Amino acid sequence: MENRENRIDVAMTSTISAGKFFFEGVVANVSRQGLKMAELPGKFDAVMSTCTAIVTGEGKSFRLVLQPRWSKGKGYYREVGFMIVDSPAGWASFLDQLDGNDADDDDAWWAQA
């Protein structure tokens, strides 16, 4: 059985660029290596190789390069799991703040379930 990374449930807004089109969605959970975006329109093409997203939460915005890994249709909306291909330096610190850990503490992100 494959080990999944720990995830933290969040509710952050996101604008994702897919070619010439932009879509609004909600980041539902995050991990060190990826995130799940919900409420994307059903016409979002989850087969593309990479896309760019601006994720905003707690007053901060981050530009992430993402690669779709899976997609699940849900009526007019779609949930998509993304692998984070590239993120800014502050993204890891932001994730540490979300889980309430300092960088020197045992990291809940990597704990084995």
PDB file of N, CA and C in Angstrom:
ATOM      1  N   MET A   1       0.843  -1.179   0.000  1.00  0.00           N
ATOM      2  CA  MET A   1       0.000   0.000   0.000  1.00  0.00           C
ATOM      3  C   MET A   1       0.888   1.241   0.000  1.00  0.00           C
ATOM      4  N   GLU A   2       0.553   2.195  -0.828  1.00  0.00           N
ATOM      5  CA  GLU A   2       1.343   3.417  -0.970  1.00  0.00           C
ATOM      6  C   GLU A   2       1.036   4.387   0.175  1.00  0.00           C
ATOM      7  N   ASN A   3       2.086   4.955   0.776  1.00  0.00           N
ATOM      8  CA  ASN A   3       1.900   5.944   1.839  1.00  0.00           C
ATOM      9  C   ASN A   3       1.543   7.288   1.240  1.00  0.00           C
ATOM     10  N   ARG A   4       0.507   7.896   1.738  1.00  0.00           N
ATOM     11  CA  ARG A   4       0.129   9.242   1.311  1.00  0.00           C
ATOM     12  C   ARG A   4       0.717  10.239   2.282  1.00  0.00           C
ATOM     13  N   GLU A   5       1.053  11.393   1.759  1.00  0.00           N
ATOM     14  CA  GLU A   5       1.517  12.475   2.629  1.00  0.00           C
ATOM     15  C   GLU A   5       0.372  12.945   3.499  1.00  0.00           C
ATOM     16  N   ASN A   6       0.713  13.465   4.653  1.00  0.00           N
ATOM     17  CA  ASN A   6      -0.304  14.097   5.488  1.00  0.00           C
ATOM     18  C   ASN A   6      -0.843  15.328   4.778  1.00  0.00           C
ATOM     19  N   ARG A   7      -2.105  15.569   4.953  1.00  0.00           N
ATOM     20  CA  ARG A   7      -2.752  16.718   4.346  1.00  0.00           C
ATOM     21  C   ARG A   7      -3.418  17.554   5.415  1.00  0.00           C
ATOM     22  N   ILE A   8      -3.528  18.843   5.104  1.00  0.00           N
ATOM     23  CA  ILE A   8      -4.244  19.753   5.996  1.00  0.00           C
ATOM     24  C   ILE A   8      -5.403  20.332   5.218  1.00  0.00           C
ATOM     25  N   ASP A   9      -6.603  20.222   5.780  1.00  0.00           N
ATOM     26  CA  ASP A   9      -7.780  20.810   5.145  1.00  0.00           C
ATOM     27  C   ASP A   9      -7.712  22.323   5.262  1.00  0.00           C
ATOM     28  N   VAL A  10      -7.969  22.993   4.159  1.00  0.00           N
ATOM     29  CA  VAL A  10      -7.941  24.449   4.096  1.00  0.00           C
ATOM     30  C   VAL A  10      -9.115  24.913   3.239  1.00  0.00           C
ATOM     31  N   ALA A  11      -9.294  26.198   3.164  1.00  0.00           N
ATOM     32  CA  ALA A  11     -10.284  26.806   2.262  1.00  0.00           C
ATOM     33  C   ALA A  11      -9.647  28.080   1.731  1.00  0.00           C
ATOM     34  N   MET A  12      -8.847  27.908   0.683  1.00  0.00           N
ATOM     35  CA  MET A  12      -8.156  29.045   0.077  1.00  0.00           C
ATOM     36  C   MET A  12      -8.683  29.235  -1.341  1.00  0.00           C
ATOM     37  N   THR A  13      -8.717  30.470  -1.787  1.00  0.00           N
ATOM     38  CA  THR A  13      -9.160  30.730  -3.149  1.00  0.00           C
ATOM     39  C   THR A  13      -8.008  30.526  -4.116  1.00  0.00           C
ATOM     40  N   SER A  14      -8.370  30.253  -5.371  1.00  0.00           N
ATOM     41  CA  SER A  14      -7.345  30.045  -6.381  1.00  0.00           C
ATOM     42  C   SER A  14      -7.871  30.442  -7.751  1.00  0.00           C
ATOM     43  N   THR A  15      -6.989  31.032  -8.528  1.00  0.00           N
ATOM     44  CA  THR A  15      -7.240  31.273  -9.947  1.00  0.00           C
ATOM     45  C   THR A  15      -6.208  30.460 -10.691  1.00  0.00           C
ATOM     46  N   ILE A  16      -6.674  29.601 -11.580  1.00  0.00           N
ATOM     47  CA  ILE A  16      -5.771  28.708 -12.291  1.00  0.00           C
ATOM     48  C   ILE A  16      -5.819  29.010 -13.779  1.00  0.00           C
ATOM     49  N   SER A  17      -4.656  29.049 -14.381  1.00  0.00           N
ATOM     50  CA  SER A  17      -4.539  29.323 -15.807  1.00  0.00           C
ATOM     51  C   SER A  17      -4.327  28.016 -16.547  1.00  0.00           C
ATOM     52  N   ALA A  18      -5.218  27.758 -17.491  1.00  0.00           N
ATOM     53  CA  ALA A  18      -5.130  26.554 -18.313  1.00  0.00           C
ATOM     54  C   ALA A  18      -5.104  26.998 -19.766  1.00  0.00           C
ATOM     55  N   GLY A  19      -3.918  27.222 -20.286  1.00  0.00           N
ATOM     56  CA  GLY A  19      -3.818  27.726 -21.656  1.00  0.00           C
ATOM     57  C   GLY A  19      -4.270  29.164 -21.721  1.00  0.00           C
ATOM     58  N   LYS A  20      -5.276  29.435 -22.547  1.00  0.00           N
ATOM     59  CA  LYS A  20      -5.802  30.795 -22.697  1.00  0.00           C
ATOM     60  C   LYS A  20      -6.901  31.116 -21.696  1.00  0.00           C
ATOM     61  N   PHE A  21      -7.340  30.134 -20.931  1.00  0.00           N
ATOM     62  CA  PHE A  21      -8.482  30.311 -20.053  1.00  0.00           C
ATOM     63  C   PHE A  21      -8.071  30.366 -18.588  1.00  0.00           C
ATOM     64  N   PHE A  22      -8.862  31.080 -17.793  1.00  0.00           N
ATOM     65  CA  PHE A  22      -8.658  31.174 -16.350  1.00  0.00           C
ATOM     66  C   PHE A  22      -9.891  30.626 -15.659  1.00  0.00           C
ATOM     67  N   PHE A  23      -9.679  29.897 -14.576  1.00  0.00           N
ATOM     68  CA  PHE A  23     -10.774  29.314 -13.816  1.00  0.00           C
ATOM     69  C   PHE A  23     -10.583  29.613 -12.342  1.00  0.00           C
ATOM     70  N   GLU A  24     -11.693  29.801 -11.652  1.00  0.00           N
ATOM     71  CA  GLU A  24     -11.681  30.003 -10.202  1.00  0.00           C
ATOM     72  C   GLU A  24     -11.973  28.677  -9.522  1.00  0.00           C
ATOM     73  N   GLY A  25     -11.312  28.436  -8.405  1.00  0.00           N
ATOM     74  CA  GLY A  25     -11.540  27.224  -7.643  1.00  0.00           C
ATOM     75  C   GLY A  25     -11.231  27.452  -6.179  1.00  0.00           C
ATOM     76  N   VAL A  26     -11.409  26.408  -5.391  1.00  0.00           N
ATOM     77  CA  VAL A  26     -11.134  26.457  -3.957  1.00  0.00           C
ATOM     78  C   VAL A  26     -10.137  25.356  -3.629  1.00  0.00           C
ATOM     79  N   VAL A  27      -9.042  25.715  -2.985  1.00  0.00           N
ATOM     80  CA  VAL A  27      -8.084  24.718  -2.536  1.00  0.00           C
ATOM     81  C   VAL A  27      -8.674  24.094  -1.274  1.00  0.00           C
ATOM     82  N   ALA A  28      -8.930  22.783  -1.345  1.00  0.00           N
ATOM     83  CA  ALA A  28      -9.595  22.086  -0.246  1.00  0.00           C
ATOM     84  C   ALA A  28      -8.616  21.481   0.752  1.00  0.00           C
ATOM     85  N   ASN A  29      -7.443  21.028   0.266  1.00  0.00           N
ATOM     86  CA  ASN A  29      -6.420  20.535   1.175  1.00  0.00           C
ATOM     87  C   ASN A  29      -5.056  20.665   0.520  1.00  0.00           C
ATOM     88  N   VAL A  30      -4.021  20.678   1.357  1.00  0.00           N
ATOM     89  CA  VAL A  30      -2.648  20.825   0.872  1.00  0.00           C
ATOM     90  C   VAL A  30      -1.740  19.818   1.573  1.00  0.00           C
ATOM     91  N   SER A  31      -0.675  19.467   0.871  1.00  0.00           N
ATOM     92  CA  SER A  31       0.412  18.682   1.449  1.00  0.00           C
ATOM     93  C   SER A  31       1.701  19.330   0.961  1.00  0.00           C
ATOM     94  N   ARG A  32       2.823  18.793   1.356  1.00  0.00           N
ATOM     95  CA  ARG A  32       4.105  19.356   0.905  1.00  0.00           C
ATOM     96  C   ARG A  32       4.283  19.221  -0.599  1.00  0.00           C
ATOM     97  N   GLN A  33       3.746  18.171  -1.176  1.00  0.00           N
ATOM     98  CA  GLN A  33       3.985  17.866  -2.583  1.00  0.00           C
ATOM     99  C   GLN A  33       2.803  18.173  -3.499  1.00  0.00           C
ATOM    100  N   GLY A  34       1.628  18.462  -2.938  1.00  0.00           N
ATOM    101  CA  GLY A  34       0.467  18.659  -3.800  1.00  0.00           C
ATOM    102  C   GLY A  34      -0.683  19.343  -3.109  1.00  0.00           C
ATOM    103  N   LEU A  35      -1.778  19.460  -3.853  1.00  0.00           N
ATOM    104  CA  LEU A  35      -2.995  20.051  -3.310  1.00  0.00           C
ATOM    105  C   LEU A  35      -4.204  19.535  -4.076  1.00  0.00           C
ATOM    106  N   LYS A  36      -5.357  19.630  -3.436  1.00  0.00           N
ATOM    107  CA  LYS A  36      -6.621  19.271  -4.079  1.00  0.00           C
ATOM    108  C   LYS A  36      -7.432  20.540  -4.263  1.00  0.00           C
ATOM    109  N   MET A  37      -7.870  20.757  -5.504  1.00  0.00           N
ATOM    110  CA  MET A  37      -8.692  21.912  -5.805  1.00  0.00           C
ATOM    111  C   MET A  37     -10.102  21.430  -6.118  1.00  0.00           C
ATOM    112  N   ALA A  38     -11.090  22.065  -5.516  1.00  0.00           N
ATOM    113  CA  ALA A  38     -12.495  21.718  -5.714  1.00  0.00           C
ATOM    114  C   ALA A  38     -13.210  22.892  -6.370  1.00  0.00           C
ATOM    115  N   GLU A  39     -14.418  22.632  -6.776  1.00  0.00           N
ATOM    116  CA  GLU A  39     -15.297  23.639  -7.370  1.00  0.00           C
ATOM    117  C   GLU A  39     -14.742  24.255  -8.651  1.00  0.00           C
ATOM    118  N   LEU A  40     -13.876  23.509  -9.358  1.00  0.00           N
ATOM    119  CA  LEU A  40     -13.449  23.953 -10.679  1.00  0.00           C
ATOM    120  C   LEU A  40     -14.568  23.641 -11.661  1.00  0.00           C
ATOM    121  N   PRO A  41     -14.804  24.502 -12.644  1.00  0.00           N
ATOM    122  CA  PRO A  41     -15.856  24.208 -13.626  1.00  0.00           C
ATOM    123  C   PRO A  41     -15.581  22.882 -14.330  1.00  0.00           C
ATOM    124  N   GLY A  42     -16.648  22.181 -14.688  1.00  0.00           N
ATOM    125  CA  GLY A  42     -16.518  20.895 -15.358  1.00  0.00           C
ATOM    126  C   GLY A  42     -15.740  20.962 -16.656  1.00  0.00           C
ATOM    127  N   LYS A  43     -15.693  22.129 -17.283  1.00  0.00           N
ATOM    128  CA  LYS A  43     -14.967  22.246 -18.549  1.00  0.00           C
ATOM    129  C   LYS A  43     -13.454  22.445 -18.364  1.00  0.00           C
ATOM    130  N   PHE A  44     -12.976  22.483 -17.108  1.00  0.00           N
ATOM    131  CA  PHE A  44     -11.540  22.565 -16.875  1.00  0.00           C
ATOM    132  C   PHE A  44     -10.879  21.308 -17.423  1.00  0.00           C
ATOM    133  N   ASP A  45      -9.844  21.465 -18.258  1.00  0.00           N
ATOM    134  CA  ASP A  45      -9.137  20.348 -18.878  1.00  0.00           C
ATOM    135  C   ASP A  45      -8.055  19.844 -17.934  1.00  0.00           C
ATOM    136  N   ALA A  46      -8.315  18.722 -17.283  1.00  0.00           N
ATOM    137  CA  ALA A  46      -7.370  18.182 -16.305  1.00  0.00           C
ATOM    138  C   ALA A  46      -6.347  17.243 -16.942  1.00  0.00           C
ATOM    139  N   VAL A  47      -6.246  17.246 -18.267  1.00  0.00           N
ATOM    140  CA  VAL A  47      -5.325  16.358 -18.954  1.00  0.00           C
ATOM    141  C   VAL A  47      -4.037  17.082 -19.342  1.00  0.00           C
ATOM    142  N   MET A  48      -4.004  18.397 -19.216  1.00  0.00           N
ATOM    143  CA  MET A  48      -2.823  19.171 -19.625  1.00  0.00           C
ATOM    144  C   MET A  48      -1.596  18.781 -18.812  1.00  0.00           C
ATOM    145  N   SER A  49      -0.416  19.143 -19.333  1.00  0.00           N
ATOM    146  CA  SER A  49       0.812  18.759 -18.644  1.00  0.00           C
ATOM    147  C   SER A  49       1.082  19.636 -17.422  1.00  0.00           C
ATOM    148  N   THR A  50       1.035  20.955 -17.554  1.00  0.00           N
ATOM    149  CA  THR A  50       1.217  21.839 -16.401  1.00  0.00           C
ATOM    150  C   THR A  50       0.301  23.037 -16.530  1.00  0.00           C
ATOM    151  N   CYS A  51       0.061  23.680 -15.422  1.00  0.00           N
ATOM    152  CA  CYS A  51      -0.718  24.909 -15.393  1.00  0.00           C
ATOM    153  C   CYS A  51      -0.196  25.771 -14.246  1.00  0.00           C
ATOM    154  N   THR A  52      -0.620  27.010 -14.222  1.00  0.00           N
ATOM    155  CA  THR A  52      -0.166  27.950 -13.209  1.00  0.00           C
ATOM    156  C   THR A  52      -1.358  28.389 -12.375  1.00  0.00           C
ATOM    157  N   ALA A  53      -1.167  28.468 -11.070  1.00  0.00           N
ATOM    158  CA  ALA A  53      -2.248  28.897 -10.177  1.00  0.00           C
ATOM    159  C   ALA A  53      -1.735  29.964  -9.220  1.00  0.00           C
ATOM    160  N   ILE A  54      -2.600  30.904  -8.912  1.00  0.00           N
ATOM    161  CA  ILE A  54      -2.365  31.857  -7.837  1.00  0.00           C
ATOM    162  C   ILE A  54      -3.267  31.423  -6.690  1.00  0.00           C
ATOM    163  N   VAL A  55      -2.661  31.000  -5.606  1.00  0.00           N
ATOM    164  CA  VAL A  55      -3.390  30.521  -4.429  1.00  0.00           C
ATOM    165  C   VAL A  55      -3.296  31.594  -3.356  1.00  0.00           C
ATOM    166  N   THR A  56      -4.447  31.970  -2.805  1.00  0.00           N
ATOM    167  CA  THR A  56      -4.498  33.025  -1.804  1.00  0.00           C
ATOM    168  C   THR A  56      -5.127  32.494  -0.519  1.00  0.00           C
ATOM    169  N   GLY A  57      -4.428  32.705   0.590  1.00  0.00           N
ATOM    170  CA  GLY A  57      -4.935  32.294   1.888  1.00  0.00           C
ATOM    171  C   GLY A  57      -4.269  33.091   2.985  1.00  0.00           C
ATOM    172  N   GLU A  58      -5.028  33.447   3.986  1.00  0.00           N
ATOM    173  CA  GLU A  58      -4.536  34.199   5.140  1.00  0.00           C
ATOM    174  C   GLU A  58      -3.798  35.468   4.722  1.00  0.00           C
ATOM    175  N   GLY A  59      -4.323  36.135   3.690  1.00  0.00           N
ATOM    176  CA  GLY A  59      -3.765  37.411   3.258  1.00  0.00           C
ATOM    177  C   GLY A  59      -2.506  37.314   2.426  1.00  0.00           C
ATOM    178  N   LYS A  60      -2.096  36.111   2.057  1.00  0.00           N
ATOM    179  CA  LYS A  60      -0.887  35.918   1.254  1.00  0.00           C
ATOM    180  C   LYS A  60      -1.252  35.220  -0.054  1.00  0.00           C
ATOM    181  N   SER A  61      -0.517  35.555  -1.125  1.00  0.00           N
ATOM    182  CA  SER A  61      -0.733  34.924  -2.424  1.00  0.00           C
ATOM    183  C   SER A  61       0.554  34.256  -2.886  1.00  0.00           C
ATOM    184  N   PHE A  62       0.401  33.092  -3.511  1.00  0.00           N
ATOM    185  CA  PHE A  62       1.532  32.315  -3.988  1.00  0.00           C
ATOM    186  C   PHE A  62       1.273  31.851  -5.417  1.00  0.00           C
ATOM    187  N   ARG A  63       2.296  31.958  -6.256  1.00  0.00           N
ATOM    188  CA  ARG A  63       2.215  31.461  -7.633  1.00  0.00           C
ATOM    189  C   ARG A  63       2.826  30.067  -7.655  1.00  0.00           C
ATOM    190  N   LEU A  64       1.998  29.073  -8.010  1.00  0.00           N
ATOM    191  CA  LEU A  64       2.441  27.689  -8.044  1.00  0.00           C
ATOM    192  C   LEU A  64       2.328  27.131  -9.462  1.00  0.00           C
ATOM    193  N   VAL A  65       3.298  26.340  -9.859  1.00  0.00           N
ATOM    194  CA  VAL A  65       3.201  25.593 -11.099  1.00  0.00           C
ATOM    195  C   VAL A  65       2.742  24.193 -10.716  1.00  0.00           C
ATOM    196  N   LEU A  66       1.651  23.752 -11.319  1.00  0.00           N
ATOM    197  CA  LEU A  66       1.004  22.505 -10.931  1.00  0.00           C
ATOM    198  C   LEU A  66       0.884  21.548 -12.108  1.00  0.00           C
ATOM    199  N   GLN A  67       0.854  20.262 -11.784  1.00  0.00           N
ATOM    200  CA  GLN A  67       0.601  19.235 -12.791  1.00  0.00           C
ATOM    201  C   GLN A  67      -0.574  18.389 -12.303  1.00  0.00           C
ATOM    202  N   PRO A  68      -1.658  18.306 -13.089  1.00  0.00           N
ATOM    203  CA  PRO A  68      -2.794  17.480 -12.675  1.00  0.00           C
ATOM    204  C   PRO A  68      -2.390  16.018 -12.539  1.00  0.00           C
ATOM    205  N   ARG A  69      -2.870  15.367 -11.476  1.00  0.00           N
ATOM    206  CA  ARG A  69      -2.575  13.952 -11.242  1.00  0.00           C
ATOM    207  C   ARG A  69      -3.837  13.096 -11.329  1.00  0.00           C
ATOM    208  N   TRP A  70      -4.956  13.646 -10.918  1.00  0.00           N
ATOM    209  CA  TRP A  70      -6.217  12.924 -11.005  1.00  0.00           C
ATOM    210  C   TRP A  70      -7.355  13.933 -11.086  1.00  0.00           C
ATOM    211  N   SER A  71      -8.489  13.476 -11.557  1.00  0.00           N
ATOM    212  CA  SER A  71      -9.653  14.347 -11.691  1.00  0.00           C
ATOM    213  C   SER A  71     -10.909  13.529 -11.428  1.00  0.00           C
ATOM    214  N   LYS A  72     -11.861  14.159 -10.761  1.00  0.00           N
ATOM    215  CA  LYS A  72     -13.126  13.501 -10.456  1.00  0.00           C
ATOM    216  C   LYS A  72     -14.253  14.477 -10.768  1.00  0.00           C
ATOM    217  N   GLY A  73     -15.101  14.124 -11.731  1.00  0.00           N
ATOM    218  CA  GLY A  73     -16.235  14.976 -12.079  1.00  0.00           C
ATOM    219  C   GLY A  73     -17.281  14.948 -10.996  1.00  0.00           C
ATOM    220  N   LYS A  74     -17.967  16.080 -10.847  1.00  0.00           N
ATOM    221  CA  LYS A  74     -18.978  16.188  -9.790  1.00  0.00           C
ATOM    222  C   LYS A  74     -20.055  17.151 -10.291  1.00  0.00           C
ATOM    223  N   GLY A  75     -20.920  16.687 -11.211  1.00  0.00           N
ATOM    224  CA  GLY A  75     -21.943  17.568 -11.777  1.00  0.00           C
ATOM    225  C   GLY A  75     -21.315  18.645 -12.634  1.00  0.00           C
ATOM    226  N   TYR A  76     -21.648  19.875 -12.336  1.00  0.00           N
ATOM    227  CA  TYR A  76     -21.081  20.993 -13.080  1.00  0.00           C
ATOM    228  C   TYR A  76     -19.664  21.325 -12.627  1.00  0.00           C
ATOM    229  N   TYR A  77     -19.245  20.695 -11.552  1.00  0.00           N
ATOM    230  CA  TYR A  77     -17.932  20.997 -10.995  1.00  0.00           C
ATOM    231  C   TYR A  77     -17.034  19.780 -11.006  1.00  0.00           C
ATOM    232  N   ARG A  78     -15.760  20.015 -10.796  1.00  0.00           N
ATOM    233  CA  ARG A  78     -14.752  18.968 -10.838  1.00  0.00           C
ATOM    234  C   ARG A  78     -13.778  19.179  -9.677  1.00  0.00           C
ATOM    235  N   GLU A  79     -13.309  18.074  -9.118  1.00  0.00           N
ATOM    236  CA  GLU A  79     -12.217  18.102  -8.151  1.00  0.00           C
ATOM    237  C   GLU A  79     -10.975  17.605  -8.874  1.00  0.00           C
ATOM    238  N   VAL A  80      -9.845  18.256  -8.644  1.00  0.00           N
ATOM    239  CA  VAL A  80      -8.604  17.873  -9.313  1.00  0.00           C
ATOM    240  C   VAL A  80      -7.480  17.840  -8.279  1.00  0.00           C
ATOM    241  N   GLY A  81      -6.712  16.767  -8.303  1.00  0.00           N
ATOM    242  CA  GLY A  81      -5.523  16.660  -7.475  1.00  0.00           C
ATOM    243  C   GLY A  81      -4.309  17.077  -8.287  1.00  0.00           C
ATOM    244  N   PHE A  82      -3.487  17.936  -7.718  1.00  0.00           N
ATOM    245  CA  PHE A  82      -2.320  18.454  -8.420  1.00  0.00           C
ATOM    246  C   PHE A  82      -1.050  18.118  -7.668  1.00  0.00           C
ATOM    247  N   MET A  83       0.006  17.841  -8.405  1.00  0.00           N
ATOM    248  CA  MET A  83       1.344  17.771  -7.852  1.00  0.00           C
ATOM    249  C   MET A  83       1.961  19.163  -8.019  1.00  0.00           C
ATOM    250  N   ILE A  84       2.622  19.659  -6.988  1.00  0.00           N
ATOM    251  CA  ILE A  84       3.279  20.959  -7.068  1.00  0.00           C
ATOM    252  C   ILE A  84       4.633  20.754  -7.738  1.00  0.00           C
ATOM    253  N   VAL A  85       4.790  21.358  -8.926  1.00  0.00           N
ATOM    254  CA  VAL A  85       6.024  21.248  -9.692  1.00  0.00           C
ATOM    255  C   VAL A  85       7.018  22.319  -9.260  1.00  0.00           C
ATOM    256  N   ASP A  86       6.516  23.520  -9.001  1.00  0.00           N
ATOM    257  CA  ASP A  86       7.381  24.630  -8.596  1.00  0.00           C
ATOM    258  C   ASP A  86       6.590  25.550  -7.679  1.00  0.00           C
ATOM    259  N   SER A  87       7.249  26.025  -6.626  1.00  0.00           N
ATOM    260  CA  SER A  87       6.609  26.935  -5.674  1.00  0.00           C
ATOM    261  C   SER A  87       7.641  27.958  -5.211  1.00  0.00           C
ATOM    262  N   PRO A  88       7.178  29.117  -4.741  1.00  0.00           N
ATOM    263  CA  PRO A  88       8.116  30.127  -4.247  1.00  0.00           C
ATOM    264  C   PRO A  88       8.703  29.711  -2.893  1.00  0.00           C
ATOM    265  N   ALA A  89       9.785  30.366  -2.530  1.00  0.00           N
ATOM    266  CA  ALA A  89      10.486  30.048  -1.284  1.00  0.00           C
ATOM    267  C   ALA A  89       9.571  30.148  -0.062  1.00  0.00           C
ATOM    268  N   GLY A  90       8.645  31.079  -0.037  1.00  0.00           N
ATOM    269  CA  GLY A  90       7.786  31.277   1.121  1.00  0.00           C
ATOM    270  C   GLY A  90       6.683  30.249   1.287  1.00  0.00           C
ATOM    271  N   TRP A  91       6.459  29.397   0.299  1.00  0.00           N
ATOM    272  CA  TRP A  91       5.373  28.420   0.363  1.00  0.00           C
ATOM    273  C   TRP A  91       5.577  27.433   1.512  1.00  0.00           C
ATOM    274  N   ALA A  92       6.790  26.903   1.681  1.00  0.00           N
ATOM    275  CA  ALA A  92       7.059  25.935   2.753  1.00  0.00           C
ATOM    276  C   ALA A  92       6.836  26.568   4.126  1.00  0.00           C
ATOM    277  N   SER A  93       7.252  27.810   4.296  1.00  0.00           N
ATOM    278  CA  SER A  93       7.029  28.502   5.575  1.00  0.00           C
ATOM    279  C   SER A  93       5.546  28.711   5.833  1.00  0.00           C
ATOM    280  N   PHE A  94       4.813  29.036   4.769  1.00  0.00           N
ATOM    281  CA  PHE A  94       3.370  29.210   4.886  1.00  0.00           C
ATOM    282  C   PHE A  94       2.707  27.907   5.339  1.00  0.00           C
ATOM    283  N   LEU A  95       3.128  26.790   4.778  1.00  0.00           N
ATOM    284  CA  LEU A  95       2.572  25.494   5.178  1.00  0.00           C
ATOM    285  C   LEU A  95       2.896  25.193   6.633  1.00  0.00           C
ATOM    286  N   ASP A  96       4.103  25.547   7.080  1.00  0.00           N
ATOM    287  CA  ASP A  96       4.461  25.355   8.483  1.00  0.00           C
ATOM    288  C   ASP A  96       3.539  26.158   9.394  1.00  0.00           C
ATOM    289  N   GLN A  97       3.193  27.369   8.986  1.00  0.00           N
ATOM    290  CA  GLN A  97       2.282  28.200   9.779  1.00  0.00           C
ATOM    291  C   GLN A  97       0.885  27.591   9.820  1.00  0.00           C
ATOM    292  N   LEU A  98       0.461  26.980   8.728  1.00  0.00           N
ATOM    293  CA  LEU A  98      -0.869  26.369   8.693  1.00  0.00           C
ATOM    294  C   LEU A  98      -1.019  25.237   9.695  1.00  0.00           C
ATOM    295  N   ASP A  99       0.053  24.434   9.846  1.00  0.00           N
ATOM    296  CA  ASP A  99      -0.057  23.315  10.777  1.00  0.00           C
ATOM    297  C   ASP A  99       0.413  23.672  12.179  1.00  0.00           C
ATOM    298  N   GLY A 100       0.874  24.929  12.366  1.00  0.00           N
ATOM    299  CA  GLY A 100       1.252  25.393  13.696  1.00  0.00           C
ATOM    300  C   GLY A 100       2.610  24.931  14.159  1.00  0.00           C
ATOM    301  N   ASN A 101       3.420  24.364  13.265  1.00  0.00           N
ATOM    302  CA  ASN A 101       4.755  23.888  13.640  1.00  0.00           C
ATOM    303  C   ASN A 101       5.819  24.890  13.260  1.00  0.00           C
ATOM    304  N   ASP A 102       6.848  24.976  14.075  1.00  0.00           N
ATOM    305  CA  ASP A 102       8.060  25.693  13.695  1.00  0.00           C
ATOM    306  C   ASP A 102       8.912  24.739  12.870  1.00  0.00           C
ATOM    307  N   ALA A 103       9.819  25.275  12.089  1.00  0.00           N
ATOM    308  CA  ALA A 103      10.671  24.454  11.230  1.00  0.00           C
ATOM    309  C   ALA A 103      11.523  23.479  12.034  1.00  0.00           C
ATOM    310  N   ASP A 104      11.853  23.800  13.309  1.00  0.00           N
ATOM    311  CA  ASP A 104      12.717  22.941  14.112  1.00  0.00           C
ATOM    312  C   ASP A 104      11.958  21.822  14.823  1.00  0.00           C
ATOM    313  N   ASP A 105      10.646  21.924  14.893  1.00  0.00           N
ATOM    314  CA  ASP A 105       9.847  20.908  15.568  1.00  0.00           C
ATOM    315  C   ASP A 105       9.735  19.666  14.706  1.00  0.00           C
ATOM    316  N   ASP A 106       9.266  18.556  15.332  1.00  0.00           N
ATOM    317  CA  ASP A 106       8.921  17.382  14.536  1.00  0.00           C
ATOM    318  C   ASP A 106       7.827  17.809  13.568  1.00  0.00           C
ATOM    319  N   ASP A 107       7.987  17.478  12.326  1.00  0.00           N
ATOM    320  CA  ASP A 107       7.112  17.980  11.279  1.00  0.00           C
ATOM    321  C   ASP A 107       5.936  17.042  11.074  1.00  0.00           C
ATOM    322  N   ALA A 108       4.730  17.520  11.367  1.00  0.00           N
ATOM    323  CA  ALA A 108       3.517  16.717  11.199  1.00  0.00           C
ATOM    324  C   ALA A 108       3.282  16.343   9.751  1.00  0.00           C
ATOM    325  N   TRP A 109       3.863  17.115   8.822  1.00  0.00           N
ATOM    326  CA  TRP A 109       3.679  16.823   7.393  1.00  0.00           C
ATOM    327  C   TRP A 109       4.270  15.470   7.023  1.00  0.00           C
ATOM    328  N   TRP A 110       5.324  15.076   7.705  1.00  0.00           N
ATOM    329  CA  TRP A 110       6.032  13.869   7.315  1.00  0.00           C
ATOM    330  C   TRP A 110       5.751  12.687   8.249  1.00  0.00           C
ATOM    331  N   ALA A 111       4.920  12.892   9.243  1.00  0.00           N
ATOM    332  CA  ALA A 111       4.620  11.817  10.196  1.00  0.00           C
ATOM    333  C   ALA A 111       3.957  10.644   9.480  1.00  0.00           C
ATOM    334  N   GLN A 112       4.332   9.459   9.845  1.00  0.00           N
ATOM    335  CA  GLN A 112       3.738   8.264   9.248  1.00  0.00           C
ATOM    336  C   GLN A 112       2.469   7.896  10.010  1.00  0.00           C
ATOM    337  N   ALA A 113       1.429   7.634   9.253  1.00  0.00           N
ATOM    338  CA  ALA A 113       0.135   7.282   9.857  1.00  0.00           C
ATOM    339  C   ALA A 113       0.084   5.798  10.160  1.00  0.00           C
TER     340      ALA A 113
END
